[in-house]
C-alpha cells in the first residue's frame, strides 16, 4: 500500500525494518517497485531502487518489469530512474516479446516514447510476437503523436514503407 500510494518515508521505514518487504508481492502479485512505477511515484521509485536495487530486475507473472509498467502509463521521469538502475531493461521483452517502447507507443505516450528512444534507440525496431514494432502498434492504435515521435527517429521512419505495404494505416499521420 505504501508503494501504491507513493509514500517514500513509509517505504523507507518498512524496508529498513523488514528488507524482504521491498521485493515481496502484494495479494495481487504486484511488487512494490512495479506499483510505484505504474503510478508514477518518483520518490517511491527512487527509495526502492536505493534500498533494494535488485528489485529493478524482478518480473511480473507475465514477464514485465517495473520499466514496462512505467512505460505503459507514460511516466517519463520514472522511466529515466529505472533505466539508470538497469539499462538493459529497456530492451527486455515480456513473455510475448513486448518491450517498454511497444507499450508506450501503443498507449500513445509521446513523452515516454521520446524518452525511451533517447535511452534505448535500438528498441525502435524491436519486434514482439506477431512481428509488430512500436511504430506499427502506434499506427494500429491510431496514436499519432507517438507515431510521429517514432517517425522522427530515422531507423523507425525507414520501416514506414514496409508497414504501409503490410496494411498499416499511415494516412492519419499527415492530417492536422
C-alpha atoms as a PDB file:
ATOM      1  CA  UNK A   1       0.000   0.000   0.000  1.00  0.00           C
ATOM      2  CA  UNK A   2       2.890   2.385   0.728  1.00  0.00           C
ATOM      3  CA  UNK A   3       4.343   1.892  -2.773  1.00  0.00           C
ATOM      4  CA  UNK A   4       0.956   2.243  -4.459  1.00  0.00           C
ATOM      5  CA  UNK A   5       0.368   5.488  -2.593  1.00  0.00           C
ATOM      6  CA  UNK A   6       3.886   6.770  -3.217  1.00  0.00           C
ATOM      7  CA  UNK A   7       4.739   7.121   0.466  1.00  0.00           C
ATOM      8  CA  UNK A   8       8.546   7.093   0.292  1.00  0.00           C
ATOM      9  CA  UNK A   9       9.071   7.770   4.014  1.00  0.00           C
ATOM     10  CA  UNK A  10       6.793   4.880   4.915  1.00  0.00           C
ATOM     11  CA  UNK A  11       8.562   2.621   2.400  1.00  0.00           C
ATOM     12  CA  UNK A  12      11.911   3.542   3.948  1.00  0.00           C
ATOM     13  CA  UNK A  13      10.693   2.589   7.439  1.00  0.00           C
ATOM     14  CA  UNK A  14       9.106  -0.662   6.270  1.00  0.00           C
ATOM     15  CA  UNK A  15      12.077  -1.825   4.216  1.00  0.00           C
ATOM     16  CA  UNK A  16      14.574  -0.837   6.892  1.00  0.00           C
ATOM     17  CA  UNK A  17      12.648  -2.939   9.420  1.00  0.00           C
ATOM     18  CA  UNK A  18      11.938  -5.814   7.017  1.00  0.00           C
ATOM     19  CA  UNK A  19      14.157  -5.782   3.892  1.00  0.00           C
ATOM     20  CA  UNK A  20      12.113  -8.521   2.188  1.00  0.00           C
ATOM     21  CA  UNK A  21       9.175  -6.093   2.028  1.00  0.00           C
ATOM     22  CA  UNK A  22      10.886  -4.341  -0.894  1.00  0.00           C
ATOM     23  CA  UNK A  23      10.525  -7.386  -3.135  1.00  0.00           C
ATOM     24  CA  UNK A  24       7.502  -9.215  -1.703  1.00  0.00           C
ATOM     25  CA  UNK A  25       4.411  -9.106  -3.917  1.00  0.00           C
ATOM     26  CA  UNK A  26       1.057  -7.994  -2.534  1.00  0.00           C
ATOM     27  CA  UNK A  27      -2.109 -10.120  -2.720  1.00  0.00           C
ATOM     28  CA  UNK A  28      -2.495  -9.383  -6.443  1.00  0.00           C
ATOM     29  CA  UNK A  29       1.181 -10.244  -7.142  1.00  0.00           C
ATOM     30  CA  UNK A  30       2.161  -6.595  -7.524  1.00  0.00           C
ATOM     31  CA  UNK A  31       5.682  -5.911  -6.337  1.00  0.00           C
ATOM     32  CA  UNK A  32       6.377  -2.580  -4.625  1.00  0.00           C
ATOM     33  CA  UNK A  33       8.621  -1.189  -7.382  1.00  0.00           C
ATOM     34  CA  UNK A  34       6.111  -2.228 -10.051  1.00  0.00           C
ATOM     35  CA  UNK A  35       3.295  -0.485  -8.180  1.00  0.00           C
ATOM     36  CA  UNK A  36       5.230   2.721  -7.569  1.00  0.00           C
ATOM     37  CA  UNK A  37       6.423   2.846 -11.199  1.00  0.00           C
ATOM     38  CA  UNK A  38       2.930   2.234 -12.599  1.00  0.00           C
ATOM     39  CA  UNK A  39       1.594   5.115 -10.519  1.00  0.00           C
ATOM     40  CA  UNK A  40       4.484   7.430 -11.419  1.00  0.00           C
ATOM     41  CA  UNK A  41       5.624   7.928  -7.834  1.00  0.00           C
ATOM     42  CA  UNK A  42       9.166   9.135  -8.476  1.00  0.00           C
ATOM     43  CA  UNK A  43      10.204   9.464  -4.816  1.00  0.00           C
ATOM     44  CA  UNK A  44       8.943   5.966  -4.025  1.00  0.00           C
ATOM     45  CA  UNK A  45      10.721   4.505  -7.077  1.00  0.00           C
ATOM     46  CA  UNK A  46      13.964   6.195  -6.093  1.00  0.00           C
ATOM     47  CA  UNK A  47      13.630   4.999  -2.495  1.00  0.00           C
ATOM     48  CA  UNK A  48      13.008   1.399  -3.557  1.00  0.00           C
ATOM     49  CA  UNK A  49      15.910   1.471  -6.005  1.00  0.00           C
ATOM     50  CA  UNK A  50      18.174   2.759  -3.245  1.00  0.00           C
ATOM     51  CA  UNK A  51      17.055   0.227  -0.631  1.00  0.00           C
ATOM     52  CA  UNK A  52      16.579  -2.794  -2.884  1.00  0.00           C
ATOM     53  CA  UNK A  53      18.428  -2.355  -6.185  1.00  0.00           C
ATOM     54  CA  UNK A  54      17.717  -5.986  -7.073  1.00  0.00           C
ATOM     55  CA  UNK A  55      14.008  -5.119  -7.369  1.00  0.00           C
ATOM     56  CA  UNK A  56      14.592  -3.478 -10.759  1.00  0.00           C
ATOM     57  CA  UNK A  57      15.171  -6.907 -12.343  1.00  0.00           C
ATOM     58  CA  UNK A  58      12.036  -8.533 -10.905  1.00  0.00           C
ATOM     59  CA  UNK A  59       9.302  -9.508 -13.319  1.00  0.00           C
ATOM     60  CA  UNK A  60       5.549  -9.912 -13.013  1.00  0.00           C
ATOM     61  CA  UNK A  61       3.865 -13.211 -13.832  1.00  0.00           C
ATOM     62  CA  UNK A  62       3.731 -12.078 -17.467  1.00  0.00           C
ATOM     63  CA  UNK A  63       7.432 -11.160 -17.538  1.00  0.00           C
ATOM     64  CA  UNK A  64       7.015  -7.397 -17.215  1.00  0.00           C
ATOM     65  CA  UNK A  65       9.446  -5.265 -15.258  1.00  0.00           C
ATOM     66  CA  UNK A  66       8.760  -2.005 -13.457  1.00  0.00           C
ATOM     67  CA  UNK A  67      10.072  -0.255 -16.572  1.00  0.00           C
ATOM     68  CA  UNK A  68       7.347  -1.915 -18.655  1.00  0.00           C
ATOM     69  CA  UNK A  69       4.714  -0.525 -16.292  1.00  0.00           C
ATOM     70  CA  UNK A  70       6.146   2.989 -16.118  1.00  0.00           C
ATOM     71  CA  UNK A  71       6.281   2.991 -19.929  1.00  0.00           C
ATOM     72  CA  UNK A  72       2.711   1.730 -20.314  1.00  0.00           C
ATOM     73  CA  UNK A  73       1.498   4.530 -18.072  1.00  0.00           C
ATOM     74  CA  UNK A  74       3.711   7.197 -19.662  1.00  0.00           C
ATOM     75  CA  UNK A  75       5.793   8.159 -16.624  1.00  0.00           C
ATOM     76  CA  UNK A  76       8.947   9.510 -18.276  1.00  0.00           C
ATOM     77  CA  UNK A  77      10.664  10.517 -15.017  1.00  0.00           C
ATOM     78  CA  UNK A  78      10.260   7.001 -13.615  1.00  0.00           C
ATOM     79  CA  UNK A  79      11.460   5.568 -16.936  1.00  0.00           C
ATOM     80  CA  UNK A  80      14.689   7.560 -16.540  1.00  0.00           C
ATOM     81  CA  UNK A  81      15.164   6.399 -12.940  1.00  0.00           C
ATOM     82  CA  UNK A  82      14.576   2.748 -13.789  1.00  0.00           C
ATOM     83  CA  UNK A  83      16.780   2.888 -16.886  1.00  0.00           C
ATOM     84  CA  UNK A  84      19.624   4.403 -14.856  1.00  0.00           C
ATOM     85  CA  UNK A  85      19.397   1.436 -12.475  1.00  0.00           C
ATOM     86  CA  UNK A  86      19.111  -1.216 -15.212  1.00  0.00           C
ATOM     87  CA  UNK A  87      19.797  -0.029 -18.768  1.00  0.00           C
ATOM     88  CA  UNK A  88      19.229  -3.480 -20.257  1.00  0.00           C
ATOM     89  CA  UNK A  89      15.617  -3.480 -19.037  1.00  0.00           C
ATOM     90  CA  UNK A  90      14.682  -1.091 -21.865  1.00  0.00           C
ATOM     91  CA  UNK A  91      15.303  -3.924 -24.320  1.00  0.00           C
ATOM     92  CA  UNK A  92      13.791  -6.713 -22.221  1.00  0.00           C
ATOM     93  CA  UNK A  93      10.694  -8.326 -23.646  1.00  0.00           C
ATOM     94  CA  UNK A  94       7.899  -9.827 -21.602  1.00  0.00           C
ATOM     95  CA  UNK A  95       6.564 -13.316 -22.383  1.00  0.00           C
ATOM     96  CA  UNK A  96       5.155 -12.016 -25.669  1.00  0.00           C
ATOM     97  CA  UNK A  97       8.305 -10.124 -26.615  1.00  0.00           C
ATOM     98  CA  UNK A  98       6.706  -6.772 -25.745  1.00  0.00           C
ATOM     99  CA  UNK A  99       9.298  -4.162 -24.804  1.00  0.00           C
ATOM    100  CA  UNK A 100       8.687  -0.967 -22.825  1.00  0.00           C
ATOM    101  CA  UNK A 101       8.709   1.082 -26.056  1.00  0.00           C
ATOM    102  CA  UNK A 102       5.944  -1.101 -27.514  1.00  0.00           C
ATOM    103  CA  UNK A 103       3.761  -0.253 -24.518  1.00  0.00           C
ATOM    104  CA  UNK A 104       4.457   3.481 -24.558  1.00  0.00           C
ATOM    105  CA  UNK A 105       3.756   3.620 -28.306  1.00  0.00           C
ATOM    106  CA  UNK A 106       0.575   1.539 -28.119  1.00  0.00           C
ATOM    107  CA  UNK A 107      -0.774   3.726 -25.324  1.00  0.00           C
ATOM    108  CA  UNK A 108       0.175   6.922 -27.154  1.00  0.00           C
ATOM    109  CA  UNK A 109       2.516   8.338 -24.518  1.00  0.00           C
ATOM    110  CA  UNK A 110       4.604  10.642 -26.689  1.00  0.00           C
ATOM    111  CA  UNK A 111       6.927  11.862 -23.902  1.00  0.00           C
ATOM    112  CA  UNK A 112       7.615   8.282 -22.815  1.00  0.00           C
ATOM    113  CA  UNK A 113       8.264   7.248 -26.429  1.00  0.00           C
ATOM    114  CA  UNK A 114      10.762  10.098 -26.872  1.00  0.00           C
ATOM    115  CA  UNK A 115      12.434   9.245 -23.551  1.00  0.00           C
ATOM    116  CA  UNK A 116      12.788   5.561 -24.468  1.00  0.00           C
ATOM    117  CA  UNK A 117      14.109   6.403 -27.939  1.00  0.00           C
ATOM    118  CA  UNK A 118      16.756   8.583 -26.311  1.00  0.00           C
ATOM    119  CA  UNK A 119      17.727   5.925 -23.760  1.00  0.00           C
ATOM    120  CA  UNK A 120      17.463   2.791 -25.913  1.00  0.00           C
ATOM    121  CA  UNK A 121      17.244   3.725 -29.596  1.00  0.00           C
ATOM    122  CA  UNK A 122      17.685   0.133 -30.736  1.00  0.00           C
ATOM    123  CA  UNK A 123      14.236  -0.671 -29.276  1.00  0.00           C
ATOM    124  CA  UNK A 124      12.620   1.265 -32.145  1.00  0.00           C
ATOM    125  CA  UNK A 125      12.940  -1.722 -34.476  1.00  0.00           C
ATOM    126  CA  UNK A 126      12.301  -4.454 -31.908  1.00  0.00           C
ATOM    127  CA  UNK A 127       9.510  -6.831 -32.785  1.00  0.00           C
ATOM    128  CA  UNK A 128       7.147  -8.615 -30.458  1.00  0.00           C
ATOM    129  CA  UNK A 129       5.349 -11.877 -31.189  1.00  0.00           C
ATOM    130  CA  UNK A 130       3.480 -11.377 -34.428  1.00  0.00           C
ATOM    131  CA  UNK A 131       6.233  -9.131 -35.791  1.00  0.00           C
ATOM    132  CA  UNK A 132       4.782  -5.815 -34.586  1.00  0.00           C
ATOM    133  CA  UNK A 133       7.155  -2.915 -33.975  1.00  0.00           C
ATOM    134  CA  UNK A 134       6.472   0.090 -31.739  1.00  0.00           C
ATOM    135  CA  UNK A 135       5.611   2.115 -34.855  1.00  0.00           C
ATOM    136  CA  UNK A 136       3.170  -0.482 -36.169  1.00  0.00           C
ATOM    137  CA  UNK A 137       1.446  -0.556 -32.758  1.00  0.00           C
ATOM    138  CA  UNK A 138       1.184   3.234 -32.597  1.00  0.00           C
ATOM    139  CA  UNK A 139      -0.279   3.324 -36.114  1.00  0.00           C
ATOM    140  CA  UNK A 140      -2.646   0.438 -35.427  1.00  0.00           C
ATOM    141  CA  UNK A 141      -3.959   2.108 -32.269  1.00  0.00           C
ATOM    142  CA  UNK A 142      -4.116   5.483 -34.054  1.00  0.00           C
ATOM    143  CA  UNK A 143      -1.699   7.021 -31.541  1.00  0.00           C
ATOM    144  CA  UNK A 144      -0.490   9.631 -33.990  1.00  0.00           C
ATOM    145  CA  UNK A 145       1.655  11.722 -31.610  1.00  0.00           C
ATOM    146  CA  UNK A 146       3.574   8.603 -30.608  1.00  0.00           C
ATOM    147  CA  UNK A 147       3.826   7.513 -34.259  1.00  0.00           C
ATOM    148  CA  UNK A 148       5.183  10.933 -35.240  1.00  0.00           C
ATOM    149  CA  UNK A 149       7.766  10.725 -32.431  1.00  0.00           C
ATOM    150  CA  UNK A 150       8.869   7.336 -33.766  1.00  0.00           C
ATOM    151  CA  UNK A 151       8.968   8.646 -37.328  1.00  0.00           C
ATOM    152  CA  UNK A 152      11.279  11.421 -36.142  1.00  0.00           C
ATOM    153  CA  UNK A 153      13.757   8.688 -35.316  1.00  0.00           C
ATOM    154  CA  UNK A 154      15.444   7.677 -38.605  1.00  0.00           C
ATOM    155  CA  UNK A 155      15.588   3.867 -38.154  1.00  0.00           C
ATOM    156  CA  UNK A 156      11.891   3.714 -37.297  1.00  0.00           C
ATOM    157  CA  UNK A 157      10.991   6.039 -40.168  1.00  0.00           C
ATOM    158  CA  UNK A 158      12.804   3.757 -42.611  1.00  0.00           C
ATOM    159  CA  UNK A 159      10.360   0.998 -41.645  1.00  0.00           C
ATOM    160  CA  UNK A 160       7.265   3.001 -42.703  1.00  0.00           C
ATOM    161  CA  UNK A 161       7.102   1.824 -46.357  1.00  0.00           C
ATOM    162  CA  UNK A 162       7.070  -1.796 -45.221  1.00  0.00           C
ATOM    163  CA  UNK A 163       4.337  -1.100 -42.700  1.00  0.00           C
ATOM    164  CA  UNK A 164       2.154   0.640 -45.273  1.00  0.00           C
ATOM    165  CA  UNK A 165       2.684  -2.267 -47.654  1.00  0.00           C
ATOM    166  CA  UNK A 166       1.536  -4.583 -44.846  1.00  0.00           C
ATOM    167  CA  UNK A 167      -1.687  -2.599 -44.483  1.00  0.00           C
ATOM    168  CA  UNK A 168      -0.949  -0.301 -41.527  1.00  0.00           C
ATOM    169  CA  UNK A 169      -2.908   2.984 -41.638  1.00  0.00           C
ATOM    170  CA  UNK A 170      -0.407   5.776 -42.292  1.00  0.00           C
ATOM    171  CA  UNK A 171      -2.691   8.459 -43.732  1.00  0.00           C
ATOM    172  CA  UNK A 172      -3.687   9.919 -40.319  1.00  0.00           C
ATOM    173  CA  UNK A 173      -0.029  10.819 -39.780  1.00  0.00           C
ATOM    174  CA  UNK A 174      -0.341  13.533 -42.347  1.00  0.00           C
ATOM    175  CA  UNK A 175      -3.614  15.045 -41.115  1.00  0.00           C
ATOM    176  CA  UNK A 176      -3.567  18.108 -38.883  1.00  0.00           C
END
